Structure formats: structure tokens, C-alpha cells
Amino acid sequence: MERFVLLCATGLIGACASAPPEWEGLAPPAPDTYAEAMAALDAGDHTEGRAKLAQVLETCGTTALGEQATMALVVNALDPQNPDLDLAASLSHAYLSQPYRTPLTEQFAASAYLVSLDIGGSLDESLSILRSAAPASFPSECQRGLATPLDRGEAIIPAPPPQSLANRLAELEQTVDELETELARVRETLRP
């Protein structure tokens, strides 16, 4: 959650909701920023990597490169070494909530959404880091790469599991605490 707050604090999320999709050339081209983000993540600088991925999302939205940046950010947010489960759940949900998707990434996002909720993440439906518009309305530099997302209409967003793994774990810990208390009571009763 701290890294998500860092993104908010830098104004990237607010800018994503209001910035026009035209590339203004004020920063390095999005493919270069994406490469820098991946290099930062490989070097272990998750704050820098996530911030650069957010910049790519701001510029590229629902294009091929924007989709790659979205999934890279989700995967990084699921990393157990520096998790941000709320970001993973919220960004996956935001991706599934907009119409421009590729089938493979849609499957990945649905799984990431369920996993992040199952292990303790929560959903912030107000997340506006992923701008949705027809891919052709974004800069041409964002069109390079994998398959272009198509208008697939409304996605079926999977229902969260009825009881998350985190909740099941908390219940088991409570049961263990209750059993230990009962065992201590029985031991006291049996003492001469």
C-alpha cells in the first residue's frame, strides 16, 4: 500500500485521469520508459520501476505497450518480497472493467485479481491509473509490441472467493489460540 501511496503522492494517478492521450514529447518515449522500468525492477528498485510503469500507463493507456506495463505492474505488486496486494487487485479490476483487452491478458488479469483478493488484497474501484480509450487514439509509439487490444466489450469479472486465504488463516490462528487456552486450563486442573 505504501508504494501505491507513493504513486498517488507523485501525482501520477491524478494525471492519468486528466492527461490527454497525445504524446507531448516532454519525457523519454514510452518504450524507453518501459525498458527503464523493467531495468529498475530487475535491479530491485521497485519504487522507481513502479513509478516508470505508471508513466507508461499515463501515456499509453489501453495499447499494446500500456497492456504490457499494466501486467508488469500487477506482477510486481504480487511479488511476495514487496507486495502491494491492494494495487494488484485494483489494477487488475480496472483492466477488466474497460473494454480494450487481449484474450490472454484478460485471463491473466482475472487470475491476478482473484489471487490478490484471496491472499489479503482489497479493491479500490476509484483507481484511475489505467485510462481507457481506443488504442488508435494513443501515440503510435505505444502501438509497438504484442497484439493490439481489441474492444471485447464488457468482461465477466470473477466473483471474489467467499472466504479468502487470509481470512481462513486468521480463523485457524484463532482456533489454535483457543485450543492453547483450553490446554492450559486442563493442565491447571490436572496439577496436584
C-alpha atoms as a PDB file:
ATOM      1  CA  MET A   1       0.000   0.000   0.000  1.00  0.00           C
ATOM      2  CA  GLU A   2       2.929   2.326   0.711  1.00  0.00           C
ATOM      3  CA  ARG A   3       4.078   2.140  -2.907  1.00  0.00           C
ATOM      4  CA  PHE A   4       0.553   2.877  -4.124  1.00  0.00           C
ATOM      5  CA  VAL A   5       0.503   5.940  -1.865  1.00  0.00           C
ATOM      6  CA  LEU A   6       3.871   6.948  -3.334  1.00  0.00           C
ATOM      7  CA  LEU A   7       2.367   6.823  -6.824  1.00  0.00           C
ATOM      8  CA  CYS A   8      -0.554   8.938  -5.638  1.00  0.00           C
ATOM      9  CA  ALA A   9       1.766  11.405  -3.944  1.00  0.00           C
ATOM     10  CA  THR A  10       3.739  11.954  -7.110  1.00  0.00           C
ATOM     11  CA  GLY A  11       0.549  12.925  -8.865  1.00  0.00           C
ATOM     12  CA  LEU A  12       0.752  10.221 -11.479  1.00  0.00           C
ATOM     13  CA  ILE A  13      -2.633   8.750 -10.767  1.00  0.00           C
ATOM     14  CA  GLY A  14      -4.386  12.106 -10.908  1.00  0.00           C
ATOM     15  CA  ALA A  15      -2.551  12.935 -14.094  1.00  0.00           C
ATOM     16  CA  CYS A  16      -3.658   9.642 -15.617  1.00  0.00           C
ATOM     17  CA  ALA A  17      -7.282  10.602 -15.219  1.00  0.00           C
ATOM     18  CA  SER A  18      -6.890  14.033 -16.773  1.00  0.00           C
ATOM     19  CA  ALA A  19      -3.932  13.977 -19.155  1.00  0.00           C
ATOM     20  CA  PRO A  20      -4.727  13.985 -22.869  1.00  0.00           C
ATOM     21  CA  PRO A  21      -3.605  10.864 -24.713  1.00  0.00           C
ATOM     22  CA  GLU A  22      -1.401  12.812 -27.143  1.00  0.00           C
ATOM     23  CA  TRP A  23       2.321  12.316 -26.670  1.00  0.00           C
ATOM     24  CA  GLU A  24       3.875  15.673 -25.951  1.00  0.00           C
ATOM     25  CA  GLY A  25       7.497  14.621 -26.095  1.00  0.00           C
ATOM     26  CA  LEU A  26       8.264  16.074 -22.644  1.00  0.00           C
ATOM     27  CA  ALA A  27       9.759  12.833 -21.377  1.00  0.00           C
ATOM     28  CA  PRO A  28      11.588   9.889 -22.916  1.00  0.00           C
ATOM     29  CA  PRO A  29       9.476   7.896 -25.370  1.00  0.00           C
ATOM     30  CA  ALA A  30       7.227   5.359 -23.687  1.00  0.00           C
ATOM     31  CA  PRO A  31       9.137   2.289 -24.980  1.00  0.00           C
ATOM     32  CA  ASP A  32      12.321   3.708 -23.420  1.00  0.00           C
ATOM     33  CA  THR A  33      10.491   4.430 -20.151  1.00  0.00           C
ATOM     34  CA  TYR A  34       9.125   0.875 -20.166  1.00  0.00           C
ATOM     35  CA  ALA A  35      12.648  -0.513 -20.698  1.00  0.00           C
ATOM     36  CA  GLU A  36      13.935   1.698 -17.847  1.00  0.00           C
ATOM     37  CA  ALA A  37      11.112   0.475 -15.617  1.00  0.00           C
ATOM     38  CA  MET A  38      11.931  -3.155 -16.287  1.00  0.00           C
ATOM     39  CA  ALA A  39      15.648  -2.484 -15.678  1.00  0.00           C
ATOM     40  CA  ALA A  40      14.817  -0.802 -12.362  1.00  0.00           C
ATOM     41  CA  LEU A  41      12.647  -3.747 -11.319  1.00  0.00           C
ATOM     42  CA  ASP A  42      15.403  -6.191 -12.309  1.00  0.00           C
ATOM     43  CA  ALA A  43      17.838  -4.170 -10.188  1.00  0.00           C
ATOM     44  CA  GLY A  44      15.460  -4.369  -7.210  1.00  0.00           C
ATOM     45  CA  ASP A  45      14.352  -0.734  -7.291  1.00  0.00           C
ATOM     46  CA  HIS A  46      10.625  -1.390  -7.079  1.00  0.00           C
ATOM     47  CA  THR A  47       9.646   2.190  -6.272  1.00  0.00           C
ATOM     48  CA  GLU A  48      11.384   3.550  -9.377  1.00  0.00           C
ATOM     49  CA  GLY A  49      10.181   0.677 -11.544  1.00  0.00           C
ATOM     50  CA  ARG A  50       6.564   1.112 -10.482  1.00  0.00           C
ATOM     51  CA  ALA A  51       6.714   4.885 -10.986  1.00  0.00           C
ATOM     52  CA  LYS A  52       8.063   4.451 -14.527  1.00  0.00           C
ATOM     53  CA  LEU A  53       5.416   1.828 -15.322  1.00  0.00           C
ATOM     54  CA  ALA A  54       2.790   4.330 -14.140  1.00  0.00           C
ATOM     55  CA  GLN A  55       4.302   6.890 -16.558  1.00  0.00           C
ATOM     56  CA  VAL A  56       3.928   4.395 -19.413  1.00  0.00           C
ATOM     57  CA  LEU A  57       0.307   3.812 -18.415  1.00  0.00           C
ATOM     58  CA  GLU A  58      -0.277   7.561 -18.393  1.00  0.00           C
ATOM     59  CA  THR A  59       0.991   7.850 -21.947  1.00  0.00           C
ATOM     60  CA  CYS A  60      -0.116   4.557 -23.475  1.00  0.00           C
ATOM     61  CA  GLY A  61      -3.332   3.582 -21.685  1.00  0.00           C
ATOM     62  CA  THR A  62      -5.047   0.680 -23.427  1.00  0.00           C
ATOM     63  CA  THR A  63      -2.483  -0.020 -26.142  1.00  0.00           C
ATOM     64  CA  ALA A  64      -0.133  -2.959 -26.575  1.00  0.00           C
ATOM     65  CA  LEU A  65       2.597  -1.241 -24.562  1.00  0.00           C
ATOM     66  CA  GLY A  66       0.113   0.034 -21.993  1.00  0.00           C
ATOM     67  CA  GLU A  67      -1.159  -3.502 -21.529  1.00  0.00           C
ATOM     68  CA  GLN A  68       2.402  -4.786 -21.040  1.00  0.00           C
ATOM     69  CA  ALA A  69       3.032  -2.070 -18.442  1.00  0.00           C
ATOM     70  CA  THR A  70      -0.243  -2.913 -16.685  1.00  0.00           C
ATOM     71  CA  MET A  71       0.625  -6.577 -16.373  1.00  0.00           C
ATOM     72  CA  ALA A  72       4.218  -5.824 -15.324  1.00  0.00           C
ATOM     73  CA  LEU A  73       2.870  -3.584 -12.563  1.00  0.00           C
ATOM     74  CA  VAL A  74       0.364  -6.244 -11.446  1.00  0.00           C
ATOM     75  CA  VAL A  75       3.045  -8.951 -11.385  1.00  0.00           C
ATOM     76  CA  ASN A  76       5.376  -6.714  -9.407  1.00  0.00           C
ATOM     77  CA  ALA A  77       2.605  -5.858  -6.944  1.00  0.00           C
ATOM     78  CA  LEU A  78       2.032  -9.606  -6.383  1.00  0.00           C
ATOM     79  CA  ASP A  79       5.740 -10.208  -5.659  1.00  0.00           C
ATOM     80  CA  PRO A  80       5.917 -11.607  -2.109  1.00  0.00           C
ATOM     81  CA  GLN A  81       9.171  -9.731  -1.453  1.00  0.00           C
ATOM     82  CA  ASN A  82       7.440  -6.338  -1.789  1.00  0.00           C
ATOM     83  CA  PRO A  83       3.712  -6.955  -2.162  1.00  0.00           C
ATOM     84  CA  ASP A  84       1.085  -4.345  -2.757  1.00  0.00           C
ATOM     85  CA  LEU A  85      -1.943  -6.597  -2.924  1.00  0.00           C
ATOM     86  CA  ASP A  86      -4.381  -3.672  -2.998  1.00  0.00           C
ATOM     87  CA  LEU A  87      -2.672  -2.298  -6.125  1.00  0.00           C
ATOM     88  CA  ALA A  88      -2.677  -5.753  -7.759  1.00  0.00           C
ATOM     89  CA  ALA A  89      -6.389  -6.249  -7.069  1.00  0.00           C
ATOM     90  CA  SER A  90      -7.386  -2.709  -8.046  1.00  0.00           C
ATOM     91  CA  LEU A  91      -5.333  -2.516 -11.244  1.00  0.00           C
ATOM     92  CA  SER A  92      -6.464  -5.982 -12.375  1.00  0.00           C
ATOM     93  CA  HIS A  93     -10.057  -4.961 -11.739  1.00  0.00           C
ATOM     94  CA  ALA A  94      -9.570  -1.651 -13.596  1.00  0.00           C
ATOM     95  CA  TYR A  95      -8.095  -3.520 -16.553  1.00  0.00           C
ATOM     96  CA  LEU A  96     -11.020  -5.962 -16.643  1.00  0.00           C
ATOM     97  CA  SER A  97     -13.525  -3.107 -16.280  1.00  0.00           C
ATOM     98  CA  GLN A  98     -12.530  -1.398 -19.526  1.00  0.00           C
ATOM     99  CA  PRO A  99     -13.325  -2.846 -22.964  1.00  0.00           C
ATOM    100  CA  TYR A 100      -9.901  -2.887 -24.685  1.00  0.00           C
ATOM    101  CA  ARG A 101      -8.191  -6.172 -23.854  1.00  0.00           C
ATOM    102  CA  THR A 102      -6.426  -9.123 -25.420  1.00  0.00           C
ATOM    103  CA  PRO A 103      -7.730 -12.595 -24.508  1.00  0.00           C
ATOM    104  CA  LEU A 104      -4.510 -13.826 -22.886  1.00  0.00           C
ATOM    105  CA  THR A 105      -4.047 -10.729 -20.748  1.00  0.00           C
ATOM    106  CA  GLU A 106      -7.718 -10.829 -19.786  1.00  0.00           C
ATOM    107  CA  GLN A 107      -7.209 -14.358 -18.425  1.00  0.00           C
ATOM    108  CA  PHE A 108      -4.084 -13.271 -16.586  1.00  0.00           C
ATOM    109  CA  ALA A 109      -5.797 -10.226 -15.073  1.00  0.00           C
ATOM    110  CA  ALA A 110      -8.755 -12.314 -13.890  1.00  0.00           C
ATOM    111  CA  SER A 111      -6.402 -14.756 -12.152  1.00  0.00           C
ATOM    112  CA  ALA A 112      -4.284 -11.979 -10.648  1.00  0.00           C
ATOM    113  CA  TYR A 113      -7.439 -10.271  -9.381  1.00  0.00           C
ATOM    114  CA  LEU A 114      -8.646 -13.426  -7.625  1.00  0.00           C
ATOM    115  CA  VAL A 115      -5.212 -14.305  -6.216  1.00  0.00           C
ATOM    116  CA  SER A 116      -4.622 -10.816  -4.837  1.00  0.00           C
ATOM    117  CA  LEU A 117      -8.029 -10.798  -3.128  1.00  0.00           C
ATOM    118  CA  ASP A 118      -7.544 -14.332  -1.842  1.00  0.00           C
ATOM    119  CA  ILE A 119      -4.262 -13.539  -0.117  1.00  0.00           C
ATOM    120  CA  GLY A 120      -5.441 -10.344   1.534  1.00  0.00           C
ATOM    121  CA  GLY A 121      -5.706  -7.544  -1.014  1.00  0.00           C
ATOM    122  CA  SER A 122      -8.656  -5.207  -1.167  1.00  0.00           C
ATOM    123  CA  LEU A 123     -10.294  -3.441  -4.078  1.00  0.00           C
ATOM    124  CA  ASP A 124     -10.230   0.312  -4.656  1.00  0.00           C
ATOM    125  CA  GLU A 125     -12.646   0.864  -7.553  1.00  0.00           C
ATOM    126  CA  SER A 126     -11.681   4.532  -7.776  1.00  0.00           C
ATOM    127  CA  LEU A 127      -8.221   3.678  -9.132  1.00  0.00           C
ATOM    128  CA  SER A 128      -7.811   5.720 -12.295  1.00  0.00           C
ATOM    129  CA  ILE A 129      -4.285   4.844 -13.346  1.00  0.00           C
ATOM    130  CA  LEU A 130      -5.467   2.996 -16.469  1.00  0.00           C
ATOM    131  CA  ARG A 131      -7.063   5.337 -18.997  1.00  0.00           C
ATOM    132  CA  SER A 132      -9.386   3.587 -21.403  1.00  0.00           C
ATOM    133  CA  ALA A 133      -9.731   4.751 -24.978  1.00  0.00           C
ATOM    134  CA  ALA A 134      -9.470   3.139 -28.383  1.00  0.00           C
ATOM    135  CA  PRO A 135      -5.838   2.079 -28.855  1.00  0.00           C
ATOM    136  CA  ALA A 136      -5.593   4.114 -32.071  1.00  0.00           C
ATOM    137  CA  SER A 137      -6.189   7.317 -30.079  1.00  0.00           C
ATOM    138  CA  PHE A 138      -2.878   6.923 -28.243  1.00  0.00           C
ATOM    139  CA  PRO A 139       0.575   7.791 -29.653  1.00  0.00           C
ATOM    140  CA  SER A 140       1.888   5.472 -32.356  1.00  0.00           C
ATOM    141  CA  GLU A 141       4.939   4.634 -30.218  1.00  0.00           C
ATOM    142  CA  CYS A 142       2.564   2.811 -27.861  1.00  0.00           C
ATOM    143  CA  GLN A 143       1.280   0.547 -30.631  1.00  0.00           C
ATOM    144  CA  ARG A 144       4.537  -1.375 -30.993  1.00  0.00           C
ATOM    145  CA  GLY A 145       4.893  -4.759 -29.431  1.00  0.00           C
ATOM    146  CA  LEU A 146       2.459  -7.534 -28.853  1.00  0.00           C
ATOM    147  CA  ALA A 147      -1.106  -7.839 -30.090  1.00  0.00           C
ATOM    148  CA  THR A 148      -3.204  -4.689 -30.035  1.00  0.00           C
ATOM    149  CA  PRO A 149      -6.044  -4.840 -27.510  1.00  0.00           C
ATOM    150  CA  LEU A 150      -9.450  -5.017 -29.153  1.00  0.00           C
ATOM    151  CA  ASP A 151     -12.833  -3.826 -27.974  1.00  0.00           C
ATOM    152  CA  ARG A 152     -14.046  -7.035 -26.357  1.00  0.00           C
ATOM    153  CA  GLY A 153     -16.975  -5.397 -24.639  1.00  0.00           C
ATOM    154  CA  GLU A 154     -17.808  -5.984 -21.031  1.00  0.00           C
ATOM    155  CA  ALA A 155     -15.654  -8.555 -19.250  1.00  0.00           C
ATOM    156  CA  ILE A 156     -17.034 -11.000 -16.766  1.00  0.00           C
ATOM    157  CA  ILE A 157     -15.195 -10.041 -13.616  1.00  0.00           C
ATOM    158  CA  PRO A 158     -14.926 -13.133 -11.426  1.00  0.00           C
ATOM    159  CA  ALA A 159     -16.584 -13.027  -8.042  1.00  0.00           C
ATOM    160  CA  PRO A 160     -14.119 -12.913  -5.162  1.00  0.00           C
ATOM    161  CA  PRO A 161     -13.752 -16.131  -3.211  1.00  0.00           C
ATOM    162  CA  PRO A 162     -16.359 -16.398  -0.426  1.00  0.00           C
ATOM    163  CA  GLN A 163     -13.635 -16.746   2.157  1.00  0.00           C
ATOM    164  CA  SER A 164     -10.136 -15.561   1.414  1.00  0.00           C
ATOM    165  CA  LEU A 165      -6.996 -17.434   2.311  1.00  0.00           C
ATOM    166  CA  ALA A 166      -6.085 -14.597   4.678  1.00  0.00           C
ATOM    167  CA  ASN A 167      -9.431 -14.992   6.491  1.00  0.00           C
ATOM    168  CA  ARG A 168      -9.061 -18.768   6.676  1.00  0.00           C
ATOM    169  CA  LEU A 169      -5.578 -18.332   8.137  1.00  0.00           C
ATOM    170  CA  ALA A 170      -6.886 -15.859  10.734  1.00  0.00           C
ATOM    171  CA  GLU A 171      -9.630 -18.325  11.707  1.00  0.00           C
ATOM    172  CA  LEU A 172      -7.093 -21.149  12.064  1.00  0.00           C
ATOM    173  CA  GLU A 173      -4.873 -18.946  14.225  1.00  0.00           C
ATOM    174  CA  GLN A 174      -7.879 -18.114  16.405  1.00  0.00           C
ATOM    175  CA  THR A 175      -8.667 -21.828  16.747  1.00  0.00           C
ATOM    176  CA  VAL A 176      -5.082 -22.565  17.753  1.00  0.00           C
ATOM    177  CA  ASP A 177      -5.210 -19.770  20.351  1.00  0.00           C
ATOM    178  CA  GLU A 178      -8.465 -21.183  21.757  1.00  0.00           C
ATOM    179  CA  LEU A 179      -7.011 -24.705  21.888  1.00  0.00           C
ATOM    180  CA  GLU A 180      -3.881 -23.460  23.645  1.00  0.00           C
ATOM    181  CA  THR A 181      -6.038 -21.642  26.205  1.00  0.00           C
ATOM    182  CA  GLU A 182      -8.104 -24.778  26.783  1.00  0.00           C
ATOM    183  CA  LEU A 183      -4.956 -26.900  27.082  1.00  0.00           C
ATOM    184  CA  ALA A 184      -3.542 -24.503  29.680  1.00  0.00           C
ATOM    185  CA  ARG A 185      -6.843 -24.700  31.620  1.00  0.00           C
ATOM    186  CA  VAL A 186      -6.777 -28.526  31.530  1.00  0.00           C
ATOM    187  CA  ARG A 187      -3.146 -28.576  32.705  1.00  0.00           C
ATOM    188  CA  GLU A 188      -4.056 -26.321  35.642  1.00  0.00           C
ATOM    189  CA  THR A 189      -6.937 -28.595  36.518  1.00  0.00           C
ATOM    190  CA  LEU A 190      -4.723 -31.690  36.471  1.00  0.00           C
ATOM    191  CA  ARG A 191      -1.943 -30.239  38.639  1.00  0.00           C
ATOM    192  CA  PRO A 192      -1.772 -31.776  42.113  1.00  0.00           C
END
